Protein backbone atom coordinates (compact mmCIF):
# COMPACT_ATOMS: atom_id res chain seq x y z
CA UNK A 1 0.00 0.00 0.00
CA UNK A 2 2.91 2.35 0.65
CA UNK A 3 3.92 2.19 -3.03
CA UNK A 4 0.40 3.22 -4.05
CA UNK A 5 0.55 6.20 -1.72
CA UNK A 6 3.93 7.18 -3.15
CA UNK A 7 2.51 7.04 -6.68
CA UNK A 8 -0.52 9.11 -5.64
CA UNK A 9 1.63 11.74 -3.91
CA UNK A 10 4.00 11.91 -6.87
CA UNK A 11 1.06 12.16 -9.26
CA UNK A 12 -0.46 15.05 -7.37
CA UNK A 13 2.87 16.87 -7.28
CA UNK A 14 3.51 16.18 -10.98
CA UNK A 15 0.10 17.48 -12.03
CA UNK A 16 0.57 20.64 -9.97
CA UNK A 17 4.08 21.14 -11.34
CA UNK A 18 2.83 20.73 -14.91
CA UNK A 19 0.01 23.23 -14.44
CA UNK A 20 2.28 25.69 -12.66
CA UNK A 21 5.03 25.51 -15.27
CA UNK A 22 2.60 25.76 -18.17
CA UNK A 23 0.89 28.78 -16.62
CA UNK A 24 4.23 30.45 -15.92
CA UNK A 25 5.43 29.94 -19.49
CA UNK A 26 2.10 31.15 -20.91
CA UNK A 27 2.30 34.31 -18.80
CA UNK A 28 5.84 34.94 -20.04
CA UNK A 29 5.57 33.94 -23.71
CA UNK A 30 1.85 33.93 -24.41
CA UNK A 31 -0.26 30.92 -25.25
CA UNK A 32 -0.48 31.14 -29.02
CA UNK A 33 2.11 28.36 -29.40
CA UNK A 34 2.36 25.43 -26.96
CA UNK A 35 5.66 26.54 -25.41
CA UNK A 36 4.59 25.30 -21.97
CA UNK A 37 3.86 21.82 -23.26
CA UNK A 38 7.17 21.74 -25.11
CA UNK A 39 9.06 22.77 -21.98
CA UNK A 40 7.21 20.19 -19.88
CA UNK A 41 7.99 17.43 -22.38
CA UNK A 42 11.67 18.40 -22.68
CA UNK A 43 12.19 18.73 -18.94
CA UNK A 44 10.25 15.52 -18.27
CA UNK A 45 12.42 13.67 -20.78
CA UNK A 46 15.57 15.05 -19.13
CA UNK A 47 14.31 14.02 -15.69
CA UNK A 48 13.37 10.49 -16.72
CA UNK A 49 16.83 10.03 -18.23
CA UNK A 50 18.45 11.15 -14.99
CA UNK A 51 16.17 9.01 -12.83
CA UNK A 52 16.56 5.94 -15.04
CA UNK A 53 20.33 5.96 -14.57
CA UNK A 54 20.03 6.67 -10.84
CA UNK A 55 17.64 3.74 -10.43
CA UNK A 56 18.93 1.12 -12.87
CA UNK A 57 22.67 1.80 -13.05
CA UNK A 58 23.63 3.59 -9.85
CA UNK A 59 20.99 1.97 -7.61
CA UNK A 60 20.60 5.23 -5.70
CA UNK A 61 16.81 5.19 -5.35
CA UNK A 62 14.55 2.71 -3.60
CA UNK A 63 11.55 1.12 -5.28
CA UNK A 64 9.19 3.50 -3.52
CA UNK A 65 11.26 6.54 -4.51
CA UNK A 66 11.18 5.31 -8.11
CA UNK A 67 7.41 4.84 -7.91
CA UNK A 68 6.96 8.33 -6.47
CA UNK A 69 9.25 10.07 -8.97
CA UNK A 70 8.94 8.09 -12.20
CA UNK A 71 5.46 6.58 -12.14
CA UNK A 72 3.77 9.24 -10.01
CA UNK A 73 5.48 12.59 -10.62
CA UNK A 74 6.64 12.12 -14.20
CA UNK A 75 3.55 10.10 -15.09
CA UNK A 76 1.41 13.11 -14.22
CA UNK A 77 3.95 15.68 -15.38
CA UNK A 78 4.39 14.17 -18.86
CA UNK A 79 3.93 10.81 -20.53
CA UNK A 80 6.19 11.98 -23.33
CA UNK A 81 9.13 11.23 -21.07
CA UNK A 82 8.19 7.54 -21.04
CA UNK A 83 7.91 7.53 -24.83
CA UNK A 84 11.37 9.12 -25.03
CA UNK A 85 12.88 6.58 -22.62
CA UNK A 86 11.35 3.64 -24.49
CA UNK A 87 12.81 4.98 -27.75
CA UNK A 88 16.29 5.47 -26.26
CA UNK A 89 16.24 1.97 -24.76
CA UNK A 90 15.38 0.48 -28.17
CA UNK A 91 18.29 2.39 -29.73
CA UNK A 92 20.67 1.28 -26.98
CA UNK A 93 19.69 -2.33 -27.64
CA UNK A 94 20.69 -1.85 -31.28
CA UNK A 95 17.13 -1.86 -32.56
CA UNK A 96 17.40 1.34 -34.60
CA UNK A 97 14.74 0.42 -37.17
CA UNK A 98 12.32 -0.63 -34.44
CA UNK A 99 12.99 2.63 -32.60
CA UNK A 100 12.33 4.64 -35.74
CA UNK A 101 9.16 2.66 -36.44
CA UNK A 102 8.04 3.12 -32.83
CA UNK A 103 8.60 6.89 -33.03
CA UNK A 104 6.81 7.32 -36.34
CA UNK A 105 3.97 5.00 -35.37
CA UNK A 106 3.49 6.57 -31.94
CA UNK A 107 3.42 10.15 -33.15
CA UNK A 108 1.31 9.44 -36.24
CA UNK A 109 -1.26 7.20 -34.57
CA UNK A 110 -1.53 9.33 -31.42
CA UNK A 111 -2.11 12.50 -33.45
CA UNK A 112 -4.69 10.66 -35.58
CA UNK A 113 -6.33 9.21 -32.46
CA UNK A 114 -6.60 12.70 -30.98
CA UNK A 115 -8.16 13.97 -34.21
CA UNK A 116 -10.56 10.99 -34.27
CA UNK A 117 -11.53 11.57 -30.64
CA UNK A 118 -12.28 15.22 -31.39
CA UNK A 119 -14.32 14.25 -34.45
CA UNK A 120 -16.29 11.66 -32.46
CA UNK A 121 -16.98 14.15 -29.68
CA UNK A 122 -18.26 16.70 -32.21
CA UNK A 123 -20.39 14.06 -33.89
CA UNK A 124 -21.89 12.75 -30.65
CA UNK A 125 -22.23 16.00 -28.71
């Protein structure tokens, strides 16, 4: 149960951090372009890279700390960081074509799924 509480606490903090950072960036740069989202995705990708090494290679974080930071905080802060990590891990395993296919498929299908969801909502609402 402690792991679940760590994930929940991290998730709450990640969601608040995302909203706060996006609002700050919008107040500084405007909201015409999604600068806040870009910054969240870049910083989340940087953080998941750091945490991955600290957990898997350096063994500096416990399982609960990993759950709080990676699953909870970064899961709520950005899921793009997980996509980025999965891609890097494929490349590190020598699966360059699979990594490229994963990137192209993920971006293309997710954008199309978003468009489809919007179209369905407009059709049904």
